[in-house]
Each structure stands twice: as structure tokens, then as C-alpha cells.
């Protein structure tokens, strides 16, 4: 009974701990097969080569987050004034610029920080998604339950992607032919459509409710498909003889 608590704790070997800290971060293979991926990549490299030296990747990451928060705010404000839907398109464009250009800028300038960039960029994406879906839930153009469902679907797909990055060494930036850029384009088109048709089918359904339900079904299909495929692949690669 005279033993100290520390004797019951697992002791960390300083040499092992130091080795772990020095271990190199394994950069996963990036998979980007969305509809506009090739054109987008050329545009981003062109922009990165012309970005002022004083502007760094962190600035762009903050721009992307701020713009996504403002896009969510524009949806919340659009319930009182539909012109905020037009402003939201501008914020979505700024979000694309910041969120897409930050990594390209680091690669073009050869000053990448893989662990830092991966962690910070995707945490900002999660915070931004909460703000965007929160704005939609408050807008009156989408039922709050559908907005929450879309947020949950996004986060589940993100978790699936991050786990695949670790377990398979494959970081998927798009699912089938859809990526973040295509989703922004669809949202921007939806904003314009809302100005003309906030409700459809003889006024029985809200446009964004219908679009959100289609999005939920698509997310569910993607989640089931890629989870099953990755599980099958991992099972085969680690088969017990």
C-alpha cells in the first residue's frame, strides 16, 4: 500500500518519445477526380505564381474560414432581405479562393508544412461547415432538420476521408465526380434560383428542402459506398491466415 501512484503509470522512454517526434509525417496520395479538377488546378497554380510575397497560406486559410462564416451569415440574413443571397455568392467565391489556394501556394513556393496544414485546414473546414449549415437552418429557406442532417453527413464523410488517409495513405478530395468546388457552384446556382423560385411544385415545397434531401441521399450513398469499399480493401490487405 506504500507504493506511489506513479509506479502504476506507464513510463515513457525519452529516447522512444524523441524518435516518435522526429518521425516523418507520411504524405498521403491525393485523389482529385472532380468535374472541374483539371481546369481548377491550372487556375490555382496561375494564381499562386502571381500571389504577392507578403501573402501566405495562413492568410488564405483565414480568408476561406471568414468567407464561409459570412456565407452562413448571409443565409441567416436572407430571410429578411433576399439580396443577401447575392452577397452569399461572393462569399462562396472568396471561400473557394482561400480554401483552395492556400495549399497550392505552399506547394508552389516549396514551403509546405504537411502536418500543420492538414490539421489546421480541415479543422477550419469543419468550423466553416457548422457556420454555413447554421445559417441555412436560420434562413427560412431550408428546414433546420435538413440543415443539421447535411452537417452530420458532411462530418461523417470527413471522418471517413481522414480515416482513409491514415489507414490507406489515400486522401480523397472528391467523391465520384463531386468535390468542394462543385458543391459551391451548386450552392451559388441555388442562391440565384431562390430569387425566382423560393418554393416549387405549386408552392408545396421549398426549393432548398428538395435540394437538401437530394444532397442527403447522395451523401448517404457515398458514405456507404466508400466505407464498404475501404473496409473490403483493408480486410484483404490484412487477412488473417
Protein backbone atom coordinates (compact mmCIF):
# COMPACT_ATOMS: atom_id res chain seq x y z
CA UNK A 1 0.00 0.00 0.00
CA UNK A 2 3.02 2.23 0.30
CA UNK A 3 3.56 2.32 -3.48
CA UNK A 4 3.20 5.70 -5.11
CA UNK A 5 0.65 6.31 -7.89
CA UNK A 6 3.46 6.96 -10.34
CA UNK A 7 4.55 3.33 -10.05
CA UNK A 8 1.23 2.26 -11.55
CA UNK A 9 1.62 4.55 -14.55
CA UNK A 10 3.28 3.52 -17.79
CA UNK A 11 6.59 5.29 -18.06
CA UNK A 12 7.57 6.86 -21.38
CA UNK A 13 11.06 6.13 -22.63
CA UNK A 14 12.53 9.57 -23.50
CA UNK A 15 14.51 8.07 -26.39
CA UNK A 16 11.40 6.47 -27.89
CA UNK A 17 9.41 9.65 -27.41
CA UNK A 18 12.08 11.68 -29.14
CA UNK A 19 12.16 9.24 -32.05
CA UNK A 20 8.40 9.49 -32.44
CA UNK A 21 8.60 13.27 -32.54
CA UNK A 22 11.25 13.10 -35.23
CA UNK A 23 9.30 10.63 -37.34
CA UNK A 24 8.32 11.98 -40.73
CA UNK A 25 4.67 12.63 -41.49
CA UNK A 26 3.51 10.30 -44.26
CA UNK A 27 2.05 12.44 -47.05
CA UNK A 28 -0.96 10.61 -48.47
CA UNK A 29 -1.72 10.26 -52.15
CA UNK A 30 -4.19 13.00 -53.12
CA UNK A 31 -7.18 11.77 -55.14
CA UNK A 32 -8.98 14.55 -57.01
CA UNK A 33 -11.28 13.46 -59.84
CA UNK A 34 -13.99 16.10 -59.75
CA UNK A 35 -15.55 17.61 -62.85
CA UNK A 36 -13.54 20.84 -62.80
CA UNK A 37 -10.35 19.48 -61.20
CA UNK A 38 -8.03 19.92 -64.21
CA UNK A 39 -9.11 23.45 -65.03
CA UNK A 40 -9.17 24.40 -61.36
CA UNK A 41 -5.62 23.15 -60.82
CA UNK A 42 -4.28 25.25 -63.69
CA UNK A 43 -6.10 28.34 -62.42
CA UNK A 44 -4.83 27.85 -58.87
CA UNK A 45 -1.21 27.42 -59.98
CA UNK A 46 -1.54 30.55 -62.13
CA UNK A 47 -2.90 32.48 -59.15
CA UNK A 48 -0.26 31.10 -56.78
CA UNK A 49 2.57 32.19 -59.08
CA UNK A 50 1.18 35.74 -59.04
CA UNK A 51 0.31 35.98 -55.35
CA UNK A 52 2.17 38.83 -53.59
CA UNK A 53 5.08 37.57 -51.43
CA UNK A 54 3.58 39.18 -48.33
CA UNK A 55 0.52 36.93 -48.60
CA UNK A 56 1.00 33.50 -47.04
CA UNK A 57 -1.02 30.28 -46.85
CA UNK A 58 -2.23 31.08 -43.34
CA UNK A 59 -3.75 34.33 -44.60
CA UNK A 60 -5.64 32.41 -47.26
CA UNK A 61 -6.84 29.80 -44.77
CA UNK A 62 -8.26 32.57 -42.57
CA UNK A 63 -9.83 34.19 -45.63
CA UNK A 64 -11.53 30.90 -46.51
CA UNK A 65 -12.88 30.46 -42.98
CA UNK A 66 -14.05 34.06 -42.69
CA UNK A 67 -15.76 33.91 -46.06
CA UNK A 68 -17.56 30.68 -45.17
CA UNK A 69 -18.76 32.17 -41.88
CA UNK A 70 -20.03 35.20 -43.78
CA UNK A 71 -21.74 32.93 -46.31
CA UNK A 72 -23.60 31.35 -43.40
CA UNK A 73 -24.45 34.79 -42.04
CA UNK A 74 -25.74 35.84 -45.46
CA UNK A 75 -28.16 32.90 -45.45
CA UNK A 76 -29.37 33.83 -41.99
CA UNK A 77 -29.90 37.45 -43.09
CA UNK A 78 -31.55 36.47 -46.38
CA UNK A 79 -34.74 35.65 -44.53
CA UNK A 80 -35.25 39.37 -44.06
CA UNK A 81 -33.68 40.57 -47.32
CA UNK A 82 -33.20 38.24 -50.29
CA UNK A 83 -30.37 40.37 -51.67
CA UNK A 84 -28.14 38.69 -49.11
CA UNK A 85 -28.38 35.62 -51.34
CA UNK A 86 -26.42 37.53 -53.97
CA UNK A 87 -23.85 38.58 -51.38
CA UNK A 88 -23.59 34.94 -50.36
CA UNK A 89 -22.38 34.05 -53.86
CA UNK A 90 -19.50 36.47 -53.41
CA UNK A 91 -18.63 34.94 -50.05
CA UNK A 92 -18.69 31.44 -51.57
CA UNK A 93 -16.25 32.66 -54.23
CA UNK A 94 -13.93 34.08 -51.56
CA UNK A 95 -14.20 30.84 -49.63
CA UNK A 96 -13.12 28.93 -52.75
CA UNK A 97 -10.16 31.28 -53.20
CA UNK A 98 -8.91 30.97 -49.64
CA UNK A 99 -9.66 27.30 -49.11
CA UNK A 100 -8.30 26.11 -52.46
CA UNK A 101 -5.33 28.41 -52.93
CA UNK A 102 -3.67 28.02 -49.51
CA UNK A 103 -2.30 24.54 -50.18
CA UNK A 104 -1.40 25.30 -53.79
CA UNK A 105 0.53 28.38 -52.69
CA UNK A 106 2.54 26.33 -50.19
CA UNK A 107 3.36 23.71 -52.84
CA UNK A 108 4.34 26.28 -55.48
CA UNK A 109 6.61 28.11 -53.02
CA UNK A 110 8.04 24.83 -51.68
CA UNK A 111 7.33 25.78 -48.07
CA UNK A 112 4.88 23.07 -47.10
CA UNK A 113 4.10 22.11 -43.50
CA UNK A 114 2.23 18.84 -44.08
CA UNK A 115 1.08 18.05 -40.52
CA UNK A 116 0.24 21.64 -39.64
CA UNK A 117 -1.50 22.28 -42.95
CA UNK A 118 -3.53 19.07 -42.86
CA UNK A 119 -4.73 19.62 -39.31
CA UNK A 120 -5.47 23.34 -39.47
CA UNK A 121 -7.06 23.32 -42.92
CA UNK A 122 -9.53 20.59 -42.09
CA UNK A 123 -10.42 21.94 -38.68
CA UNK A 124 -11.22 25.24 -40.38
CA UNK A 125 -13.38 23.35 -42.88
CA UNK A 126 -15.34 21.81 -40.00
CA UNK A 127 -15.88 25.14 -38.26
CA UNK A 128 -16.91 26.71 -41.57
CA UNK A 129 -19.38 23.91 -42.29
CA UNK A 130 -21.06 24.48 -38.91
CA UNK A 131 -21.40 28.19 -39.71
CA UNK A 132 -22.73 27.56 -43.22
CA UNK A 133 -25.30 24.96 -42.21
CA UNK A 134 -26.25 27.04 -39.18
CA UNK A 135 -27.01 29.96 -41.46
CA UNK A 136 -29.12 27.78 -43.72
CA UNK A 137 -31.04 26.48 -40.68
CA UNK A 138 -31.85 30.06 -39.68
CA UNK A 139 -32.62 31.31 -43.18
CA UNK A 140 -36.20 30.11 -43.53
CA UNK A 141 -35.28 28.65 -46.93
CA UNK A 142 -34.41 25.22 -45.53
CA UNK A 143 -35.91 23.21 -42.68
CA UNK A 144 -33.48 23.19 -39.74
CA UNK A 145 -33.60 19.38 -39.55
CA UNK A 146 -32.40 19.08 -43.15
CA UNK A 147 -29.58 21.56 -42.50
CA UNK A 148 -28.49 19.58 -39.44
CA UNK A 149 -28.66 16.37 -41.48
CA UNK A 150 -26.42 17.88 -44.15
CA UNK A 151 -23.93 18.96 -41.48
CA UNK A 152 -23.87 15.47 -39.98
CA UNK A 153 -23.44 13.96 -43.44
CA UNK A 154 -20.54 16.31 -44.20
CA UNK A 155 -18.82 15.50 -40.91
CA UNK A 156 -19.28 11.74 -41.41
CA UNK A 157 -17.81 11.93 -44.91
CA UNK A 158 -14.93 13.98 -43.49
CA UNK A 159 -14.28 11.38 -40.80
CA UNK A 160 -14.33 8.64 -43.43
CA UNK A 161 -11.86 10.59 -45.55
CA UNK A 162 -9.48 11.29 -42.66
CA UNK A 163 -9.51 7.67 -41.52
CA UNK A 164 -8.79 6.52 -45.07
CA UNK A 165 -5.91 8.99 -45.22
CA UNK A 166 -4.35 7.37 -42.16
CA UNK A 167 -5.22 3.74 -42.85
CA UNK A 168 -4.77 3.66 -46.63
CA UNK A 169 -2.45 6.58 -47.34
CA UNK A 170 -5.07 7.99 -49.70
CA UNK A 171 -6.59 11.41 -49.18
CA UNK A 172 -9.75 11.74 -51.26
CA UNK A 173 -10.61 15.32 -52.22
CA UNK A 174 -13.67 14.33 -54.23
CA UNK A 175 -16.32 11.65 -54.12
CA UNK A 176 -17.13 10.27 -57.55
CA UNK A 177 -17.12 13.48 -59.66
CA UNK A 178 -18.13 15.89 -56.92
CA UNK A 179 -15.76 17.94 -54.81
CA UNK A 180 -15.94 21.13 -52.74
CA UNK A 181 -15.79 23.38 -55.80
CA UNK A 182 -18.74 21.67 -57.48
CA UNK A 183 -20.75 21.98 -54.26
CA UNK A 184 -20.01 25.71 -54.10
CA UNK A 185 -21.16 26.07 -57.70
CA UNK A 186 -24.39 24.23 -56.89
CA UNK A 187 -24.98 26.45 -53.85
CA UNK A 188 -24.35 29.61 -55.89
CA UNK A 189 -26.77 28.41 -58.58
CA UNK A 190 -29.28 27.61 -55.84
CA UNK A 191 -28.97 31.15 -54.48
CA UNK A 192 -29.87 32.58 -57.87
CA UNK A 193 -32.75 30.13 -58.23
CA UNK A 194 -34.09 31.15 -54.81
CA UNK A 195 -34.51 34.72 -56.06
CA UNK A 196 -37.01 33.43 -58.60
CA UNK A 197 -38.37 30.17 -57.16
CA UNK A 198 -38.17 30.02 -53.34
CA UNK A 199 -40.88 27.34 -53.48
CA UNK A 200 -41.61 24.78 -56.18
CA UNK A 201 -44.27 22.26 -57.20
CA UNK A 202 -47.18 24.70 -56.90
CA UNK A 203 -45.82 26.19 -53.70
CA UNK A 204 -45.87 22.91 -51.79
CA UNK A 205 -42.13 22.52 -51.18
CA UNK A 206 -39.20 24.83 -50.55
CA UNK A 207 -36.52 24.65 -53.22
CA UNK A 208 -33.68 24.17 -50.74
CA UNK A 209 -35.62 21.50 -48.84
CA UNK A 210 -35.82 19.45 -52.02
CA UNK A 211 -32.19 20.13 -52.86
CA UNK A 212 -31.16 19.28 -49.32
CA UNK A 213 -32.98 15.95 -49.44
CA UNK A 214 -31.23 15.08 -52.69
CA UNK A 215 -27.94 16.05 -51.05
CA UNK A 216 -28.67 13.85 -48.03
CA UNK A 217 -29.40 10.85 -50.22
CA UNK A 218 -26.22 11.45 -52.22
CA UNK A 219 -24.11 11.80 -49.07
CA UNK A 220 -25.62 8.63 -47.64
CA UNK A 221 -24.84 6.70 -50.82
CA UNK A 222 -21.25 8.00 -50.88
CA UNK A 223 -20.73 7.17 -47.22
CA UNK A 224 -21.99 3.60 -47.59
CA UNK A 225 -20.09 3.00 -50.84
CA UNK A 226 -16.69 4.29 -49.75
CA UNK A 227 -16.92 2.79 -46.26
CA UNK A 228 -17.75 -0.63 -47.72
CA UNK A 229 -15.02 -0.36 -50.37
CA UNK A 230 -12.32 0.72 -47.91
CA UNK A 231 -13.37 -1.93 -45.37
CA UNK A 232 -13.13 -4.61 -48.05
CA UNK A 233 -9.71 -3.38 -49.17
CA UNK A 234 -8.34 -3.27 -45.61
CA UNK A 235 -9.76 -6.74 -44.89
CA UNK A 236 -7.97 -8.14 -47.94
CA UNK A 237 -4.69 -6.40 -47.14
CA UNK A 238 -4.71 -7.59 -43.52
CA UNK A 239 -6.26 -11.02 -43.99
CA UNK A 240 -5.68 -13.41 -41.12
CA UNK A 241 -4.26 -16.69 -42.45
